[in-house]
Amino acid sequence: MRTIKRHSRRLNKNKWDTISNIAHSYAQEKDKWLCELSCTDNIDKLYSDRILRDMLVQNGYISPHGLQARQWKLALKDAVETLDRN
């Protein structure tokens, strides 16, 4: 795997603040899932993030950190993959 750096033009303060807030919210959401799923009772949920994701969508889950649905789903997937690797 290699790192690809993308460059952009300078962002104004509002755009930078928006991106920073999204990144912070994403990190909080991922940390929430890491804490919840790291319990030994939840090992069975680590086989696939899809089952848990589908259940959350069915129950009308809304991110407490203000993320859009596609963003919290990605944070959930990222958390499951992190725990699976470790």
Protein backbone atom coordinates (compact mmCIF):
# COMPACT_ATOMS: atom_id res chain seq x y z
CA MET A 1 0.00 0.00 0.00
CA ARG A 2 1.27 3.45 -0.76
CA THR A 3 0.29 6.92 0.27
CA ILE A 4 -1.10 9.28 -2.32
CA LYS A 5 -0.95 12.95 -1.48
CA ARG A 6 -3.54 15.20 -3.03
CA HIS A 7 -2.98 18.92 -3.20
CA SER A 8 -5.66 21.57 -3.41
CA ARG A 9 -5.87 25.27 -3.59
CA ARG A 10 -5.91 27.19 -0.35
CA LEU A 11 -9.19 26.82 1.50
CA ASN A 12 -10.93 29.74 3.10
CA LYS A 13 -11.55 29.61 6.83
CA ASN A 14 -15.17 28.41 6.54
CA LYS A 15 -14.29 25.50 4.27
CA TRP A 16 -11.34 24.53 6.47
CA ASP A 17 -13.52 24.65 9.59
CA THR A 18 -16.14 22.48 7.88
CA ILE A 19 -13.57 19.86 6.90
CA SER A 20 -12.02 19.93 10.37
CA ASN A 21 -15.44 19.46 12.01
CA ILE A 22 -16.27 16.52 9.76
CA ALA A 23 -12.91 14.88 10.50
CA HIS A 24 -13.38 15.40 14.25
CA SER A 25 -16.93 14.01 14.15
CA TYR A 26 -15.77 11.01 12.12
CA ALA A 27 -13.03 10.27 14.65
CA GLN A 28 -15.54 10.48 17.51
CA GLU A 29 -17.98 8.19 15.71
CA LYS A 30 -15.26 5.64 14.96
CA ASP A 31 -14.07 5.77 18.57
CA LYS A 32 -17.64 5.19 19.76
CA TRP A 33 -17.87 2.04 17.61
CA LEU A 34 -14.42 0.85 18.65
CA CYS A 35 -15.42 1.11 22.32
CA GLU A 36 -18.80 -0.58 21.81
CA LEU A 37 -17.56 -3.39 19.60
CA SER A 38 -14.34 -4.17 21.47
CA CYS A 39 -16.24 -5.97 24.25
CA THR A 40 -15.98 -9.74 24.06
CA ASP A 41 -19.79 -9.93 23.93
CA ASN A 42 -19.69 -8.30 20.50
CA ILE A 43 -17.14 -10.56 18.81
CA ASP A 44 -19.85 -12.11 16.64
CA LYS A 45 -20.60 -8.68 15.15
CA LEU A 46 -17.09 -8.37 13.77
CA TYR A 47 -17.60 -10.85 10.94
CA SER A 48 -19.41 -8.26 8.87
CA ASP A 49 -20.25 -4.63 9.40
CA ARG A 50 -23.18 -5.03 6.99
CA ILE A 51 -25.39 -6.97 9.40
CA LEU A 52 -24.93 -4.39 12.15
CA ARG A 53 -25.27 -1.51 9.66
CA ASP A 54 -28.51 -2.90 8.23
CA MET A 55 -29.93 -3.35 11.72
CA LEU A 56 -29.01 0.25 12.64
CA VAL A 57 -30.57 1.62 9.44
CA GLN A 58 -33.73 -0.39 10.09
CA ASN A 59 -33.94 1.09 13.60
CA GLY A 60 -33.46 4.63 12.27
CA TYR A 61 -29.98 5.26 13.71
CA ILE A 62 -28.84 8.88 13.61
CA SER A 63 -25.23 9.75 14.39
CA PRO A 64 -24.92 11.57 17.72
CA HIS A 65 -21.95 13.42 16.19
CA GLY A 66 -23.93 14.93 13.32
CA LEU A 67 -22.53 12.79 10.52
CA GLN A 68 -24.47 12.01 7.37
CA ALA A 69 -25.61 8.42 6.93
CA ARG A 70 -22.86 7.54 4.46
CA GLN A 71 -20.26 8.98 6.83
CA TRP A 72 -21.32 7.07 9.96
CA LYS A 73 -21.59 3.88 7.90
CA LEU A 74 -18.00 4.39 6.76
CA ALA A 75 -16.89 5.03 10.36
CA LEU A 76 -18.63 1.81 11.43
CA LYS A 77 -16.96 -0.16 8.63
CA ASP A 78 -13.59 1.40 9.51
CA ALA A 79 -14.01 0.46 13.19
CA VAL A 80 -14.97 -3.15 12.38
CA GLU A 81 -12.00 -3.51 10.02
CA THR A 82 -9.66 -2.00 12.64
CA LEU A 83 -10.81 -4.47 15.28
CA ASP A 84 -10.64 -7.35 12.80
CA ARG A 85 -7.02 -6.50 11.96
CA ASN A 86 -6.05 -6.24 15.61
